[in-house]
C-alpha atoms as a PDB file:
ATOM      1  CA  UNK A   1       0.169  28.436  13.421  1.00  0.00           C
ATOM      2  CA  UNK A   2      -2.342  30.013  15.567  1.00  0.00           C
ATOM      3  CA  UNK A   3      -4.867  28.742  18.602  1.00  0.00           C
ATOM      4  CA  UNK A   4      -7.639  30.072  15.983  1.00  0.00           C
ATOM      5  CA  UNK A   5      -6.570  27.270  13.324  1.00  0.00           C
ATOM      6  CA  UNK A   6      -6.494  24.613  16.262  1.00  0.00           C
ATOM      7  CA  UNK A   7      -9.915  25.447  17.061  1.00  0.00           C
ATOM      8  CA  UNK A   8     -11.447  25.566  13.920  1.00  0.00           C
ATOM      9  CA  UNK A   9     -10.031  21.979  13.357  1.00  0.00           C
ATOM     10  CA  UNK A  10      -7.147  22.789  10.454  1.00  0.00           C
ATOM     11  CA  UNK A  11      -4.194  21.230  13.479  1.00  0.00           C
ATOM     12  CA  UNK A  12      -4.174  19.212  15.604  1.00  0.00           C
ATOM     13  CA  UNK A  13      -3.517  19.807  19.053  1.00  0.00           C
ATOM     14  CA  UNK A  14      -0.430  17.205  19.213  1.00  0.00           C
ATOM     15  CA  UNK A  15       1.438  19.395  16.693  1.00  0.00           C
ATOM     16  CA  UNK A  16       0.233  23.079  18.456  1.00  0.00           C
ATOM     17  CA  UNK A  17       1.986  21.967  21.437  1.00  0.00           C
ATOM     18  CA  UNK A  18       5.005  20.280  19.459  1.00  0.00           C
ATOM     19  CA  UNK A  19       5.059  23.965  18.093  1.00  0.00           C
ATOM     20  CA  UNK A  20       4.537  26.031  21.296  1.00  0.00           C
ATOM     21  CA  UNK A  21       7.508  23.177  23.088  1.00  0.00           C
ATOM     22  CA  UNK A  22       9.595  24.475  20.116  1.00  0.00           C
ATOM     23  CA  UNK A  23       9.281  28.155  20.154  1.00  0.00           C
ATOM     24  CA  UNK A  24       8.947  28.079  24.124  1.00  0.00           C
ATOM     25  CA  UNK A  25       6.242  29.830  24.342  1.00  0.00           C
ATOM     26  CA  UNK A  26       5.129  29.293  27.723  1.00  0.00           C
ATOM     27  CA  UNK A  27       1.416  30.447  27.419  1.00  0.00           C
ATOM     28  CA  UNK A  28       0.402  29.034  24.049  1.00  0.00           C
ATOM     29  CA  UNK A  29       2.193  25.648  25.897  1.00  0.00           C
ATOM     30  CA  UNK A  30      -0.056  25.524  28.716  1.00  0.00           C
ATOM     31  CA  UNK A  31      -3.361  26.719  26.995  1.00  0.00           C
ATOM     32  CA  UNK A  32      -2.706  23.415  24.653  1.00  0.00           C
ATOM     33  CA  UNK A  33      -1.557  21.171  27.373  1.00  0.00           C
ATOM     34  CA  UNK A  34      -4.502  22.383  29.871  1.00  0.00           C
ATOM     35  CA  UNK A  35      -6.958  21.432  26.803  1.00  0.00           C
ATOM     36  CA  UNK A  36      -5.434  17.721  26.392  1.00  0.00           C
ATOM     37  CA  UNK A  37      -5.638  17.241  30.265  1.00  0.00           C
ATOM     38  CA  UNK A  38      -9.634  18.179  30.266  1.00  0.00           C
ATOM     39  CA  UNK A  39      -9.907  15.938  27.269  1.00  0.00           C
ATOM     40  CA  UNK A  40      -8.561  13.151  29.103  1.00  0.00           C
ATOM     41  CA  UNK A  41      -6.434  12.529  26.610  1.00  0.00           C
ATOM     42  CA  UNK A  42      -3.655   9.907  27.313  1.00  0.00           C
ATOM     43  CA  UNK A  43      -0.315  12.262  28.622  1.00  0.00           C
ATOM     44  CA  UNK A  44       1.844   8.806  27.857  1.00  0.00           C
ATOM     45  CA  UNK A  45       0.555   8.983  24.426  1.00  0.00           C
ATOM     46  CA  UNK A  46       0.918  12.772  24.177  1.00  0.00           C
ATOM     47  CA  UNK A  47       4.780  12.693  25.730  1.00  0.00           C
ATOM     48  CA  UNK A  48       5.580   9.858  23.571  1.00  0.00           C
ATOM     49  CA  UNK A  49       4.687  11.395  20.424  1.00  0.00           C
ATOM     50  CA  UNK A  50       6.514  14.978  21.479  1.00  0.00           C
ATOM     51  CA  UNK A  51       9.762  12.459  22.774  1.00  0.00           C
ATOM     52  CA  UNK A  52       9.408  11.411  18.899  1.00  0.00           C
ATOM     53  CA  UNK A  53       8.902  14.577  16.951  1.00  0.00           C
ATOM     54  CA  UNK A  54      10.113  17.123  19.125  1.00  0.00           C
ATOM     55  CA  UNK A  55      12.864  15.968  21.575  1.00  0.00           C
ATOM     56  CA  UNK A  56      10.694  16.687  24.641  1.00  0.00           C
ATOM     57  CA  UNK A  57      12.305  16.610  27.862  1.00  0.00           C
ATOM     58  CA  UNK A  58       9.881  16.725  31.362  1.00  0.00           C
ATOM     59  CA  UNK A  59      11.847  19.231  32.638  1.00  0.00           C
ATOM     60  CA  UNK A  60      11.548  21.805  30.250  1.00  0.00           C
ATOM     61  CA  UNK A  61       7.806  20.917  30.215  1.00  0.00           C
ATOM     62  CA  UNK A  62       7.819  21.546  33.834  1.00  0.00           C
ATOM     63  CA  UNK A  63       9.699  24.590  33.553  1.00  0.00           C
ATOM     64  CA  UNK A  64       7.089  26.264  30.995  1.00  0.00           C
ATOM     65  CA  UNK A  65       4.358  25.225  32.544  1.00  0.00           C
ATOM     66  CA  UNK A  66       5.716  26.735  35.717  1.00  0.00           C
ATOM     67  CA  UNK A  67       6.533  30.336  34.063  1.00  0.00           C
ATOM     68  CA  UNK A  68       3.229  29.922  32.526  1.00  0.00           C
ATOM     69  CA  UNK A  69       1.019  30.347  35.608  1.00  0.00           C
ATOM     70  CA  UNK A  70       3.339  33.079  36.782  1.00  0.00           C
ATOM     71  CA  UNK A  71       2.212  35.685  34.592  1.00  0.00           C
END
């Protein structure tokens, strides 16, 4: 799954964030997460989706965001 498929509308944003989270791809996770923030997505619904499907942990989320900002 690539960012281009998300831009073309073939992949939902939540699914892209989950895929980046599983693979621990900091840059992809950061860009997709920021896209949700800019679109004013309800982050509680995003976190519930990620917890249910991808075993999401907010500490790992913060670590990925921090890691992406450093680069």
